[in-house]
């Protein structure tokens, strides 16, 4: 089944970033985020889950983010919009036509 999405709904400008390990000079590594591309996207909030960690409530917000198809998008990367950070958990082509990608994301604290 072919998915129809009005490209005019892609109103959010996001930065796609990939993790890169950089030596810390002491035998370890630090992860930095390297920009890959700027993309237009449609962001849809999906769910909000509250859990308890270390005697404090912690909330996790998940989103469905639609972008145009790119072959270099994968789980483990992230999308950013200003101070907002969306960690990509799952990336899929919803109708396998190579037009769009749907990214299942969790919003992270900056």
N, C-alpha and C. Protein backbone atom coordinates (compact mmCIF):
# COMPACT_ATOMS: atom_id res chain seq x y z
N UNK A 1 0.83 -1.16 0.00
CA UNK A 1 0.00 0.00 0.00
C UNK A 1 0.89 1.25 0.00
N UNK A 2 0.66 2.16 -0.91
CA UNK A 2 1.44 3.38 -1.03
C UNK A 2 0.94 4.41 -0.01
N UNK A 3 1.87 4.98 0.74
CA UNK A 3 1.55 5.97 1.75
C UNK A 3 1.51 7.35 1.10
N UNK A 4 0.46 8.13 1.38
CA UNK A 4 0.39 9.49 0.88
C UNK A 4 0.70 10.44 2.02
N UNK A 5 1.67 11.31 1.80
CA UNK A 5 2.02 12.35 2.76
C UNK A 5 2.18 13.64 1.98
N UNK A 6 1.47 14.66 2.39
CA UNK A 6 1.60 15.97 1.77
C UNK A 6 2.94 16.57 2.18
N UNK A 7 3.88 16.77 1.25
CA UNK A 7 5.19 17.32 1.61
C UNK A 7 5.10 18.70 2.26
N UNK A 8 3.98 19.40 2.08
CA UNK A 8 3.78 20.69 2.73
C UNK A 8 3.67 20.59 4.24
N UNK A 9 3.45 19.37 4.75
CA UNK A 9 3.38 19.16 6.20
C UNK A 9 4.77 19.07 6.82
N UNK A 10 5.81 18.98 6.00
CA UNK A 10 7.19 18.90 6.50
C UNK A 10 7.68 20.32 6.75
N UNK A 11 7.32 20.86 7.92
CA UNK A 11 7.59 22.27 8.22
C UNK A 11 8.71 22.48 9.23
N UNK A 12 9.24 21.40 9.80
CA UNK A 12 10.31 21.53 10.80
C UNK A 12 11.66 21.31 10.11
N UNK A 13 12.59 22.22 10.33
CA UNK A 13 13.94 22.10 9.78
C UNK A 13 14.81 21.47 10.86
N UNK A 14 15.32 20.26 10.58
CA UNK A 14 16.12 19.51 11.55
C UNK A 14 17.52 19.26 11.02
N UNK A 15 18.45 19.03 11.94
CA UNK A 15 19.81 18.64 11.58
C UNK A 15 19.97 17.17 11.88
N UNK A 16 20.41 16.40 10.88
CA UNK A 16 20.74 15.00 11.07
C UNK A 16 22.19 14.94 11.52
N UNK A 17 22.45 14.23 12.62
CA UNK A 17 23.80 14.13 13.16
C UNK A 17 24.16 12.68 13.41
N UNK A 18 25.46 12.35 13.21
CA UNK A 18 25.95 11.00 13.42
C UNK A 18 27.01 11.02 14.53
N UNK A 19 27.06 9.94 15.36
CA UNK A 19 28.06 9.90 16.43
C UNK A 19 29.44 9.57 15.86
N UNK A 20 30.46 10.23 16.40
CA UNK A 20 31.84 9.98 16.00
C UNK A 20 32.66 9.85 17.28
N UNK A 21 33.46 8.77 17.38
CA UNK A 21 34.33 8.58 18.54
C UNK A 21 35.64 9.32 18.32
N UNK A 22 36.03 10.12 19.31
CA UNK A 22 37.26 10.90 19.25
C UNK A 22 38.12 10.49 20.44
N UNK A 23 39.38 10.20 20.18
CA UNK A 23 40.30 9.81 21.25
C UNK A 23 40.40 10.93 22.27
N UNK A 24 40.41 10.55 23.56
CA UNK A 24 40.54 11.56 24.61
C UNK A 24 41.99 11.75 25.03
N UNK A 25 42.92 11.05 24.37
CA UNK A 25 44.34 11.19 24.66
C UNK A 25 44.82 10.35 25.83
N UNK A 26 43.92 9.61 26.45
CA UNK A 26 44.29 8.79 27.60
C UNK A 26 43.86 7.34 27.40
N UNK A 27 43.69 6.95 26.15
CA UNK A 27 43.32 5.57 25.84
C UNK A 27 41.82 5.34 25.73
N UNK A 28 41.04 6.33 26.01
CA UNK A 28 39.59 6.23 25.91
C UNK A 28 39.08 7.02 24.73
N UNK A 29 37.79 7.17 24.67
CA UNK A 29 37.18 7.91 23.58
C UNK A 29 35.98 8.70 24.08
N UNK A 30 35.71 9.79 23.41
CA UNK A 30 34.56 10.62 23.68
C UNK A 30 33.70 10.65 22.42
N UNK A 31 32.39 10.60 22.59
CA UNK A 31 31.49 10.66 21.44
C UNK A 31 31.11 12.11 21.19
N UNK A 32 31.32 12.55 19.95
CA UNK A 32 30.84 13.86 19.54
C UNK A 32 29.85 13.65 18.41
N UNK A 33 29.02 14.65 18.15
CA UNK A 33 27.99 14.53 17.12
C UNK A 33 28.38 15.40 15.93
N UNK A 34 28.53 14.75 14.78
CA UNK A 34 28.93 15.43 13.56
C UNK A 34 27.72 15.65 12.66
N UNK A 35 27.50 16.89 12.20
CA UNK A 35 26.37 17.15 11.29
C UNK A 35 26.52 16.37 9.98
N UNK A 36 25.41 15.80 9.51
CA UNK A 36 25.39 15.06 8.25
C UNK A 36 24.62 15.85 7.20
N UNK A 37 23.44 16.34 7.57
CA UNK A 37 22.60 17.06 6.62
C UNK A 37 21.51 17.83 7.35
N UNK A 38 20.97 18.83 6.68
CA UNK A 38 19.78 19.53 7.16
C UNK A 38 18.60 18.95 6.38
N UNK A 39 17.52 18.63 7.08
CA UNK A 39 16.37 18.00 6.43
C UNK A 39 15.08 18.68 6.88
N UNK A 40 14.07 18.67 6.01
CA UNK A 40 12.73 19.10 6.37
C UNK A 40 11.99 17.89 6.91
N UNK A 41 11.17 18.10 7.92
CA UNK A 41 10.51 16.97 8.57
C UNK A 41 9.12 17.33 9.09
N UNK A 42 8.34 16.27 9.30
CA UNK A 42 7.06 16.37 9.98
C UNK A 42 7.23 15.63 11.30
N UNK A 43 6.98 16.32 12.42
CA UNK A 43 7.15 15.72 13.74
C UNK A 43 5.79 15.44 14.35
N UNK A 44 5.57 14.18 14.76
CA UNK A 44 4.32 13.78 15.39
C UNK A 44 4.61 13.19 16.77
N UNK A 45 4.16 13.82 17.86
CA UNK A 45 4.31 13.19 19.18
C UNK A 45 3.48 11.90 19.21
N UNK A 46 4.04 10.85 19.79
CA UNK A 46 3.35 9.56 19.81
C UNK A 46 2.94 9.16 21.22
N UNK A 47 3.88 9.21 22.16
CA UNK A 47 3.53 8.78 23.51
C UNK A 47 4.41 9.47 24.55
N UNK A 48 3.95 9.39 25.79
CA UNK A 48 4.67 9.92 26.93
C UNK A 48 4.62 8.88 28.03
N UNK A 49 5.79 8.47 28.52
CA UNK A 49 5.85 7.44 29.56
C UNK A 49 6.59 8.01 30.76
N UNK A 50 6.00 7.85 31.94
CA UNK A 50 6.65 8.30 33.17
C UNK A 50 7.11 7.07 33.94
N UNK A 51 8.39 7.05 34.29
CA UNK A 51 8.95 5.96 35.09
C UNK A 51 9.65 6.56 36.30
N UNK A 52 10.00 5.71 37.23
CA UNK A 52 10.71 6.18 38.41
C UNK A 52 12.14 5.67 38.35
N UNK A 53 13.10 6.57 38.55
CA UNK A 53 14.52 6.22 38.58
C UNK A 53 15.18 7.01 39.70
N UNK A 54 15.85 6.32 40.59
CA UNK A 54 16.54 6.95 41.72
C UNK A 54 15.58 7.84 42.52
N UNK A 55 14.41 7.32 42.80
CA UNK A 55 13.38 8.01 43.59
C UNK A 55 12.89 9.30 42.96
N UNK A 56 13.00 9.41 41.66
CA UNK A 56 12.49 10.59 40.96
C UNK A 56 11.75 10.13 39.72
N UNK A 57 10.71 10.88 39.36
CA UNK A 57 9.97 10.54 38.15
C UNK A 57 10.72 11.06 36.93
N UNK A 58 10.80 10.21 35.91
CA UNK A 58 11.48 10.55 34.67
C UNK A 58 10.50 10.34 33.53
N UNK A 59 10.36 11.32 32.66
CA UNK A 59 9.44 11.20 31.54
C UNK A 59 10.19 10.98 30.24
N UNK A 60 9.64 10.12 29.39
CA UNK A 60 10.20 9.88 28.07
C UNK A 60 9.11 10.17 27.04
N UNK A 61 9.42 11.04 26.09
CA UNK A 61 8.49 11.39 25.04
C UNK A 61 8.98 10.75 23.74
N UNK A 62 8.10 10.02 23.07
CA UNK A 62 8.49 9.44 21.79
C UNK A 62 7.77 10.18 20.66
N UNK A 63 8.43 10.21 19.51
CA UNK A 63 7.92 10.93 18.35
C UNK A 63 8.07 10.07 17.10
N UNK A 64 7.22 10.33 16.14
CA UNK A 64 7.34 9.77 14.80
C UNK A 64 7.74 10.95 13.92
N UNK A 65 8.90 10.85 13.28
CA UNK A 65 9.39 11.95 12.45
C UNK A 65 9.53 11.45 11.01
N UNK A 66 8.84 12.16 10.11
CA UNK A 66 8.87 11.83 8.68
C UNK A 66 9.88 12.73 7.98
N UNK A 67 10.75 12.14 7.17
CA UNK A 67 11.69 12.91 6.34
C UNK A 67 11.70 12.30 4.95
N UNK A 68 12.25 13.04 3.98
CA UNK A 68 12.42 12.46 2.65
C UNK A 68 13.47 11.36 2.73
N UNK A 69 13.37 10.38 1.85
CA UNK A 69 14.26 9.23 1.87
C UNK A 69 15.72 9.65 1.71
N UNK A 70 16.58 9.09 2.53
CA UNK A 70 18.03 9.22 2.43
C UNK A 70 18.61 7.85 2.76
N UNK A 71 19.61 7.44 2.03
CA UNK A 71 20.23 6.14 2.28
C UNK A 71 21.19 6.12 3.45
N UNK A 72 21.52 7.29 4.01
CA UNK A 72 22.51 7.36 5.08
C UNK A 72 21.90 7.60 6.47
N UNK A 73 20.62 7.33 6.62
CA UNK A 73 19.95 7.51 7.92
C UNK A 73 19.82 6.15 8.59
N UNK A 74 20.23 6.07 9.88
CA UNK A 74 20.20 4.80 10.59
C UNK A 74 19.93 5.01 12.08
N UNK A 75 19.45 3.96 12.72
CA UNK A 75 19.26 3.99 14.17
C UNK A 75 20.61 4.29 14.82
N UNK A 76 20.57 5.06 15.92
CA UNK A 76 21.79 5.45 16.60
C UNK A 76 22.21 6.87 16.26
N UNK A 77 21.68 7.41 15.17
CA UNK A 77 21.93 8.81 14.84
C UNK A 77 20.91 9.65 15.60
N UNK A 78 20.95 10.96 15.38
CA UNK A 78 19.96 11.81 16.03
C UNK A 78 19.58 12.96 15.12
N UNK A 79 18.41 13.52 15.41
CA UNK A 79 17.92 14.73 14.75
C UNK A 79 17.83 15.80 15.82
N UNK A 80 18.21 17.03 15.47
CA UNK A 80 18.13 18.12 16.43
C UNK A 80 17.36 19.28 15.83
N UNK A 81 16.67 20.00 16.71
CA UNK A 81 15.96 21.23 16.35
C UNK A 81 16.22 22.21 17.47
N UNK A 82 17.19 23.09 17.28
CA UNK A 82 17.60 23.98 18.36
C UNK A 82 18.13 23.15 19.50
N UNK A 83 17.57 23.34 20.70
CA UNK A 83 18.01 22.59 21.88
C UNK A 83 17.35 21.22 21.99
N UNK A 84 16.37 20.93 21.14
CA UNK A 84 15.67 19.63 21.20
C UNK A 84 16.49 18.57 20.50
N UNK A 85 16.57 17.38 21.10
CA UNK A 85 17.35 16.26 20.56
C UNK A 85 16.44 15.05 20.46
N UNK A 86 16.39 14.45 19.27
CA UNK A 86 15.58 13.26 19.01
C UNK A 86 16.51 12.12 18.63
N UNK A 87 16.65 11.11 19.49
CA UNK A 87 17.51 9.95 19.23
C UNK A 87 16.74 8.95 18.36
N UNK A 88 17.32 8.57 17.22
CA UNK A 88 16.67 7.64 16.30
C UNK A 88 16.78 6.22 16.84
N UNK A 89 15.64 5.60 17.09
CA UNK A 89 15.57 4.23 17.59
C UNK A 89 15.31 3.23 16.47
N UNK A 90 14.49 3.63 15.49
CA UNK A 90 14.12 2.76 14.37
C UNK A 90 13.87 3.63 13.16
N UNK A 91 14.38 3.20 12.01
CA UNK A 91 14.17 3.93 10.76
C UNK A 91 13.61 2.95 9.75
N UNK A 92 12.52 3.35 9.07
CA UNK A 92 11.92 2.45 8.09
C UNK A 92 11.32 3.23 6.93
N UNK A 93 11.25 2.58 5.79
CA UNK A 93 10.57 3.10 4.60
C UNK A 93 9.15 2.55 4.68
N UNK A 94 8.15 3.39 4.96
CA UNK A 94 6.81 2.87 5.27
C UNK A 94 6.13 2.09 4.15
N UNK A 95 6.42 2.41 2.89
CA UNK A 95 5.79 1.66 1.81
C UNK A 95 6.81 1.11 0.81
N UNK A 96 8.10 1.14 1.18
CA UNK A 96 9.19 0.59 0.38
C UNK A 96 9.25 1.17 -1.03
N UNK A 97 8.92 2.47 -1.17
CA UNK A 97 8.99 3.13 -2.47
C UNK A 97 10.19 4.06 -2.58
N UNK A 98 10.94 4.24 -1.48
CA UNK A 98 12.09 5.12 -1.50
C UNK A 98 11.74 6.60 -1.53
N UNK A 99 10.53 6.95 -1.07
CA UNK A 99 10.13 8.36 -1.05
C UNK A 99 10.31 9.00 0.31
N UNK A 100 9.95 8.29 1.37
CA UNK A 100 10.00 8.84 2.72
C UNK A 100 10.63 7.84 3.68
N UNK A 101 11.09 8.35 4.81
CA UNK A 101 11.50 7.53 5.94
C UNK A 101 10.69 7.95 7.15
N UNK A 102 10.31 6.98 7.95
CA UNK A 102 9.66 7.24 9.23
C UNK A 102 10.67 6.87 10.31
N UNK A 103 10.99 7.83 11.15
CA UNK A 103 11.95 7.62 12.22
C UNK A 103 11.23 7.58 13.55
N UNK A 104 11.31 6.45 14.26
CA UNK A 104 10.77 6.36 15.61
C UNK A 104 11.84 6.90 16.53
N UNK A 105 11.54 7.96 17.28
CA UNK A 105 12.55 8.67 18.08
C UNK A 105 12.11 8.84 19.52
N UNK A 106 13.11 9.01 20.39
CA UNK A 106 12.87 9.41 21.78
C UNK A 106 13.50 10.77 21.96
N UNK A 107 12.78 11.70 22.55
CA UNK A 107 13.33 13.02 22.81
C UNK A 107 14.22 12.95 24.05
N UNK A 108 15.43 13.46 23.91
CA UNK A 108 16.41 13.43 24.99
C UNK A 108 16.52 14.82 25.62
N UNK A 109 16.93 14.84 26.88
CA UNK A 109 17.19 16.13 27.52
C UNK A 109 18.46 16.70 26.92
N UNK A 110 18.51 18.02 26.69
CA UNK A 110 19.72 18.61 26.09
C UNK A 110 20.94 18.50 26.99
